[in-house]
Protein backbone atom coordinates (compact mmCIF):
# COMPACT_ATOMS: atom_id res chain seq x y z
CA GLU A 1 -24.48 -64.08 90.75
CA SER A 2 -23.31 -67.30 92.35
CA ILE A 3 -24.93 -66.77 95.76
CA ILE A 4 -28.32 -66.11 94.14
CA LEU A 5 -27.93 -69.32 92.13
CA ALA A 6 -26.88 -71.22 95.28
CA ALA A 7 -29.97 -69.99 97.14
CA LYS A 8 -32.27 -71.02 94.27
CA LEU A 9 -30.69 -74.47 93.96
CA SER A 10 -30.74 -75.04 97.71
CA GLU A 11 -34.40 -74.09 97.83
CA SER A 12 -35.31 -76.49 95.01
CA LEU A 13 -33.23 -79.32 96.55
CA CYS A 14 -34.57 -78.69 100.08
CA ILE A 15 -31.05 -78.02 101.39
CA GLU A 16 -30.74 -75.78 104.45
CA HIS A 17 -29.66 -72.36 103.22
CA ASN A 18 -30.43 -68.68 103.41
CA SER A 19 -33.72 -67.73 101.80
CA LEU A 20 -33.62 -66.22 98.33
CA GLU A 21 -35.23 -63.07 99.74
CA SER A 22 -32.48 -62.68 102.37
CA VAL A 23 -29.69 -63.20 99.87
CA LYS A 24 -31.23 -60.62 97.53
CA LEU A 25 -31.24 -58.09 100.39
CA THR A 26 -27.46 -58.45 100.69
CA LYS A 27 -27.09 -57.87 96.93
CA ASN A 28 -28.94 -54.54 96.94
CA LYS A 29 -27.31 -51.81 99.01
CA TYR A 30 -30.47 -49.71 99.10
CA LEU A 31 -32.68 -52.54 100.36
CA MET A 32 -29.99 -53.59 102.82
CA ARG A 33 -29.74 -50.05 104.20
CA SER A 34 -33.52 -49.91 104.58
CA GLU A 35 -33.69 -53.18 106.53
CA LEU A 36 -30.77 -52.26 108.79
CA LYS A 37 -32.39 -48.93 109.62
CA LYS A 38 -35.65 -50.70 110.55
CA SER A 39 -33.70 -52.95 112.92
CA GLY A 40 -32.59 -49.98 115.01
CA LEU A 41 -28.92 -50.16 114.05
CA LYS A 42 -27.08 -46.90 113.53
CA SER A 43 -27.58 -45.80 109.95
CA PRO A 44 -26.40 -42.92 107.78
CA TRP A 45 -28.90 -40.74 105.96
CA PHE A 46 -29.50 -42.27 102.51
CA LYS A 47 -31.61 -41.86 99.39
CA ARG A 48 -31.90 -43.63 96.05
CA PHE A 49 -32.44 -41.84 92.73
CA SER A 50 -32.64 -42.75 89.06
CA VAL A 51 -29.68 -42.36 86.71
CA HIS A 52 -32.17 -40.84 84.24
CA GLU A 53 -32.97 -37.76 86.34
CA THR A 54 -31.30 -34.80 88.01
CA PRO A 55 -32.21 -35.41 91.66
CA LYS A 56 -32.96 -31.79 92.56
CA TYR A 57 -35.62 -32.96 95.01
CA ILE A 58 -32.92 -34.25 97.41
CA PHE A 59 -30.61 -31.23 97.16
CA ALA A 60 -32.20 -29.58 100.19
CA GLU A 61 -31.48 -32.71 102.26
CA LEU A 62 -27.89 -33.14 101.14
CA SER A 63 -25.01 -32.41 103.46
CA PHE A 64 -21.38 -32.80 102.52
CA PRO A 65 -19.33 -34.87 102.45
CA CYS A 66 -21.54 -37.68 101.16
CA VAL A 67 -20.97 -40.87 99.20
CA LEU A 68 -22.33 -41.91 95.81
CA LYS A 69 -22.40 -45.59 94.87
CA PRO A 70 -24.17 -48.14 92.68
CA THR A 71 -26.54 -50.42 94.57
CA PHE A 72 -25.03 -53.71 93.41
CA LEU A 73 -21.31 -53.47 92.59
CA SER A 74 -18.48 -54.64 94.87
CA ALA A 75 -14.74 -54.09 95.47
CA SER A 76 -15.38 -50.31 95.86
CA GLN A 77 -16.28 -50.04 92.17
CA GLY A 78 -18.20 -46.83 91.53
CA VAL A 79 -17.94 -45.61 95.14
CA LEU A 80 -17.16 -41.88 95.37
CA ARG A 81 -16.91 -39.34 98.16
CA VAL A 82 -18.13 -35.91 97.05
CA ASN A 83 -17.67 -32.67 98.96
CA SER A 84 -19.78 -30.16 97.03
CA PHE A 85 -22.70 -29.83 94.62
CA GLU A 86 -20.19 -29.53 91.77
CA GLU A 87 -18.51 -32.82 92.73
CA PHE A 88 -21.95 -34.39 93.20
CA GLY A 89 -22.87 -33.52 89.61
CA LYS A 90 -19.61 -34.85 88.20
CA GLY A 91 -19.94 -38.01 90.28
CA CYS A 92 -23.45 -38.63 88.98
CA GLU A 93 -22.21 -38.26 85.40
CA MET A 94 -19.39 -40.73 85.99
CA LEU A 95 -21.71 -43.26 87.61
CA SER A 96 -24.30 -42.89 84.86
CA ASP A 97 -21.60 -43.69 82.29
CA LEU A 98 -20.39 -46.69 84.31
CA LEU A 99 -23.90 -48.07 84.79
CA ALA A 100 -24.60 -47.67 81.06
CA GLU A 101 -21.75 -50.03 80.12
CA GLU A 102 -23.14 -53.22 78.61
CA LYS A 103 -21.49 -55.69 80.98
CA VAL A 104 -22.48 -53.61 84.01
CA LYS A 105 -26.09 -53.30 82.80
CA LYS A 106 -26.24 -57.04 82.21
CA ARG A 107 -24.94 -57.76 85.69
CA GLY A 108 -27.15 -55.25 87.48
CA GLY A 109 -30.43 -55.52 85.59
CA ASP A 110 -32.89 -52.99 87.01
CA GLN A 111 -30.35 -51.99 89.68
CA ALA A 112 -28.23 -50.41 86.94
CA ASN A 113 -30.91 -47.69 86.77
CA TRP A 114 -30.27 -46.45 90.30
CA ILE A 115 -27.66 -44.54 92.32
CA LEU A 116 -27.46 -44.54 96.10
CA VAL A 117 -26.37 -41.42 97.97
CA GLU A 118 -25.61 -41.67 101.65
CA GLU A 119 -24.02 -39.69 104.43
CA TYR A 120 -20.24 -40.14 104.67
CA ILE A 121 -19.31 -42.06 107.81
CA PRO A 122 -15.90 -41.10 109.21
CA GLY A 123 -13.91 -43.49 111.34
CA LYS A 124 -11.83 -46.64 111.44
CA GLU A 125 -12.84 -49.45 109.11
CA VAL A 126 -12.77 -53.16 109.92
CA SER A 127 -14.27 -56.32 108.52
CA ILE A 128 -15.54 -59.50 110.13
CA GLU A 129 -15.19 -62.91 108.58
CA GLY A 130 -17.64 -65.38 110.04
CA ILE A 131 -19.85 -68.37 109.59
CA VAL A 132 -23.50 -68.63 110.60
CA ASN A 133 -25.36 -71.67 111.86
CA ASP A 134 -28.99 -71.53 113.02
CA GLY A 135 -28.78 -67.75 112.83
CA LYS A 136 -25.86 -67.48 115.26
CA LEU A 137 -22.63 -65.83 114.13
CA LYS A 138 -19.34 -67.60 114.77
CA ASP A 139 -16.56 -65.05 114.24
CA LEU A 140 -13.54 -66.45 112.45
CA ALA A 141 -11.46 -63.29 112.12
CA ILE A 142 -11.66 -59.54 112.54
CA PHE A 143 -9.52 -57.69 110.00
CA ASP A 144 -8.05 -54.27 110.71
CA LYS A 145 -7.68 -51.93 107.74
CA PRO A 146 -4.76 -49.73 108.81
CA GLU A 147 -4.67 -47.44 105.77
CA PRO A 148 -7.28 -44.64 105.96
CA LEU A 149 -10.23 -44.95 103.58
CA GLU A 150 -11.37 -41.35 103.33
CA GLY A 151 -12.00 -40.87 99.61
CA PRO A 152 -12.55 -39.58 97.03
CA ILE A 153 -12.20 -43.27 96.02
CA PHE A 154 -11.99 -46.17 98.44
CA PRO A 155 -9.37 -48.72 97.38
CA GLU A 156 -9.09 -51.45 99.99
CA THR A 157 -5.41 -52.26 100.28
CA ILE A 158 -4.11 -53.82 103.50
CA PHE A 159 -6.02 -56.24 105.75
CA ILE A 160 -4.37 -57.38 109.00
CA THR A 161 -5.41 -60.10 111.43
CA PRO A 162 -5.77 -60.68 114.32
CA THR A 163 -7.21 -57.29 115.20
CA ILE A 164 -5.53 -55.04 117.76
CA LEU A 165 -8.90 -53.66 118.93
CA ASP A 166 -9.65 -54.18 122.62
CA GLU A 167 -11.95 -57.02 123.64
CA HIS A 168 -14.83 -54.73 124.63
CA LEU A 169 -14.90 -53.14 121.17
CA GLN A 170 -14.61 -56.54 119.47
CA PHE A 171 -17.62 -57.76 121.45
CA SER A 172 -19.55 -54.62 120.47
CA LEU A 173 -18.75 -55.17 116.78
CA LEU A 174 -19.90 -58.77 116.93
CA GLU A 175 -23.15 -57.71 118.59
CA THR A 176 -23.74 -55.20 115.78
CA ALA A 177 -22.97 -57.86 113.18
CA GLN A 178 -25.34 -60.35 114.81
CA THR A 179 -28.16 -57.80 114.82
CA ALA A 180 -27.53 -57.05 111.13
CA LEU A 181 -27.66 -60.74 110.22
CA GLN A 182 -30.96 -61.14 112.04
CA ALA A 183 -32.39 -58.06 110.32
CA LEU A 184 -31.44 -59.43 106.90
CA GLY A 185 -32.55 -62.99 107.66
CA ILE A 186 -29.10 -64.54 107.19
CA SER A 187 -29.18 -67.83 109.09
CA LYS A 188 -26.65 -70.10 107.39
CA GLY A 189 -23.23 -70.07 105.75
CA PRO A 190 -20.24 -67.75 105.38
CA VAL A 191 -20.54 -63.99 105.86
CA HIS A 192 -18.28 -61.03 105.20
CA ILE A 193 -19.27 -57.88 107.08
CA GLU A 194 -17.66 -54.44 106.77
CA LEU A 195 -18.09 -51.80 109.45
CA ARG A 196 -16.96 -48.31 110.41
CA ILE A 197 -16.33 -47.32 114.02
CA ASN A 198 -16.43 -43.79 115.42
CA ASP A 199 -17.46 -41.94 118.59
CA HIS A 200 -21.14 -42.43 117.72
CA GLY A 201 -20.89 -46.22 117.52
CA ASN A 202 -20.66 -48.99 114.93
CA TYR A 203 -22.04 -48.65 111.41
CA ILE A 204 -22.56 -51.51 108.97
CA LEU A 205 -21.17 -50.69 105.52
CA GLU A 206 -21.77 -54.05 103.85
CA CYS A 207 -23.14 -57.43 104.90
CA ALA A 208 -22.46 -60.12 102.31
CA ALA A 209 -23.69 -63.72 102.45
CA ARG A 210 -20.36 -65.04 101.16
CA SER A 211 -16.75 -65.33 102.23
CA ILE A 212 -14.09 -62.66 101.69
CA GLY A 213 -13.36 -61.90 98.03
CA GLY A 214 -10.38 -62.29 95.75
CA LEU A 215 -7.45 -64.29 97.12
CA CYS A 216 -7.68 -62.72 100.58
CA SER A 217 -8.79 -65.95 102.23
CA LYS A 218 -5.24 -67.29 101.82
CA VAL A 219 -4.23 -65.14 104.78
CA LEU A 220 -6.55 -67.13 107.07
CA GLU A 221 -5.05 -70.33 108.44
CA PHE A 222 -6.81 -72.21 111.19
CA LYS A 223 -5.33 -74.58 113.74
CA GLY A 224 -4.70 -77.96 112.19
CA GLY A 225 -3.80 -76.33 108.87
CA MET A 226 -7.41 -75.85 107.81
CA SER A 227 -8.20 -73.21 105.17
CA LEU A 228 -11.28 -71.00 105.19
CA GLU A 229 -12.75 -72.92 102.26
CA GLU A 230 -12.35 -76.26 104.06
CA LEU A 231 -13.97 -74.81 107.17
CA ILE A 232 -16.96 -73.56 105.13
CA LEU A 233 -17.40 -77.00 103.56
CA ARG A 234 -17.17 -78.71 106.95
CA SER A 235 -19.85 -76.42 108.32
CA ALA A 236 -22.08 -77.00 105.27
CA LEU A 237 -21.80 -80.76 105.88
CA GLY A 238 -23.07 -80.29 109.42
CA ARG A 239 -19.79 -80.62 111.26
CA ASN A 240 -19.21 -78.55 114.38
CA VAL A 241 -16.80 -75.65 113.76
CA GLU A 242 -17.54 -73.70 116.96
CA LYS A 243 -14.11 -74.41 118.48
CA THR A 244 -12.17 -73.57 115.33
CA GLN A 245 -9.55 -70.87 115.89
CA LEU A 246 -6.98 -69.01 113.81
CA ILE A 247 -3.34 -69.88 114.36
CA ASP A 248 -1.74 -67.37 116.70
CA LYS A 249 0.32 -65.34 114.23
CA ALA A 250 0.06 -61.82 112.79
CA LYS A 251 -0.71 -62.03 109.08
CA GLY A 252 -1.74 -59.63 106.38
CA VAL A 253 -2.70 -59.29 102.75
CA MET A 254 -2.33 -56.33 100.43
CA MET A 255 -4.60 -55.97 97.44
CA MET A 256 -2.21 -54.32 95.01
CA PRO A 257 -4.11 -51.41 93.49
CA THR A 258 -4.49 -50.61 89.82
CA GLU A 259 -3.25 -47.03 89.73
CA LYS A 260 -3.13 -46.05 86.04
CA ARG A 261 -5.38 -46.80 83.09
CA GLY A 262 -3.81 -48.61 80.14
CA ILE A 263 -2.70 -51.96 78.76
CA LEU A 264 -0.44 -53.92 81.12
CA ARG A 265 2.90 -54.73 79.52
CA GLU A 266 5.17 -55.83 82.37
CA ILE A 267 5.42 -55.96 86.14
CA HIS A 268 8.94 -55.35 87.40
CA GLY A 269 10.22 -55.99 90.92
CA ILE A 270 8.38 -59.20 91.75
CA LYS A 271 11.56 -61.02 92.81
CA ALA A 272 12.62 -58.04 94.93
CA ALA A 273 9.20 -57.93 96.58
CA LEU A 274 9.30 -61.66 97.34
CA ALA A 275 12.77 -61.22 98.85
CA VAL A 276 11.48 -58.84 101.53
CA LYS A 277 11.67 -60.64 104.88
CA GLY A 278 8.18 -61.60 105.98
CA ILE A 279 6.61 -61.82 102.53
CA THR A 280 5.16 -65.31 102.04
CA ASP A 281 3.62 -65.03 98.58
CA LEU A 282 2.78 -62.70 95.70
CA GLN A 283 0.19 -63.49 93.06
CA THR A 284 -0.73 -61.30 90.11
CA THR A 285 -4.28 -61.43 88.76
CA ILE A 286 -3.98 -59.23 85.67
CA LYS A 287 -1.87 -60.61 82.83
CA PRO A 288 0.28 -58.70 80.31
CA GLY A 289 -1.92 -57.56 77.46
CA GLU A 290 -4.97 -57.11 79.69
CA MET A 291 -6.66 -53.83 80.53
CA LEU A 292 -5.77 -51.83 83.63
CA GLU A 293 -8.72 -49.75 84.86
CA PRO A 294 -8.32 -47.97 88.21
CA LEU A 295 -11.11 -47.08 90.60
CA PRO A 296 -13.76 -45.81 90.54
CA LYS A 297 -14.55 -47.50 87.20
CA GLY A 298 -12.30 -50.52 87.58
CA ASP A 299 -13.12 -53.71 89.46
CA ARG A 300 -9.83 -55.64 89.44
CA TYR A 301 -6.71 -55.54 91.56
CA LEU A 302 -3.24 -55.97 90.09
CA GLY A 303 -2.66 -58.85 92.48
CA PHE A 304 -2.17 -59.86 96.10
CA LEU A 305 0.79 -59.70 98.50
CA PHE A 306 0.86 -61.90 101.60
CA ALA A 307 2.98 -61.45 104.72
CA GLU A 308 3.44 -62.56 108.30
CA GLY A 309 5.49 -61.24 111.19
CA LYS A 310 5.97 -60.92 114.92
CA ASP A 311 3.17 -58.37 115.24
CA GLN A 312 0.65 -56.39 113.22
CA ASP A 313 2.84 -53.29 112.81
CA THR A 314 5.66 -55.40 111.40
CA VAL A 315 3.33 -57.00 108.87
CA ILE A 316 2.12 -53.59 107.70
CA ILE A 317 5.70 -52.37 107.20
CA VAL A 318 6.64 -55.56 105.32
CA LEU A 319 3.70 -55.24 102.92
CA GLN A 320 4.38 -51.56 102.26
CA GLU A 321 8.08 -52.23 101.63
CA ALA A 322 7.31 -55.06 99.21
CA TRP A 323 4.77 -52.93 97.32
CA SER A 324 7.41 -50.20 96.95
CA LYS A 325 9.52 -52.66 94.91
CA ILE A 326 6.78 -53.15 92.30
CA GLU A 327 6.90 -51.15 89.07
CA VAL A 328 4.03 -51.45 86.62
CA VAL A 329 4.79 -50.85 82.94
CA SER A 330 1.69 -50.05 80.92
CA GLU A 331 0.72 -48.53 77.60
CA LYS A 332 -1.65 -45.58 77.64
CA ILE A 333 -4.76 -45.84 75.52
């Protein structure tokens, strides 16, 4: 993984960076959960068990719904909500098969031998994009995720910024994020933090020592025309980015989901989607002839739609309308 390599190289070159230990915590969901719980942050019930056993010893502690997930994969790959013992068993079988795949085993190493089960956290989901200097979080954007993520799989689709959450709640989220970063020892560089909010408070879902994935960063434009990547480089070079702000415009990105398994042949409707007022770009990331594998086993989106508008609701409508124009032609296998 690139961030592990970056931490090792920075350490050997005496460049200021997050410690290797801290970065490894963010790459292991079980260890991350354990550290966050120790910090006093709100935490779901969670346990880890081996893919090579039937975890009967935790059955008495289980309550439904709960979530099964690998400890190291991203982009919602392998994440399942289960609502009964029967679904739990089927979910474990599916995850065992996924974790036994050669490329997954190679990527995960020992982590490919483990499954994490945790309490399902209901509520609204958001993410924070930020940059850390001397352990202090500078928030760059808070993304709203307007489409409910309730399972049984969790495809992230639409991200909207700026958030419509009130200032008090935004401040509360940033406090939670700062506490999480301190607990994990993240003191430098870009961070991407995912949270759920409900009546009980704020819950950290993920805390990654990297910027937002895929092409999503294209939706972030800072005053002066600066991109997220340029801002990260400026910060790494020691330049002050504390006063950097997003341009004042509602923007959004849709990660176009892979809905059916097969070989991609054609994507129809791209011109029609681009013609929708408010759409600024569309980029596909799977080419004809390549494999389409939906969640929970897949780890690739069909592509990305970008939009802007007068407000957040308009951007959501624009993205949904453009997506409705897309028709995927695939060959079953």
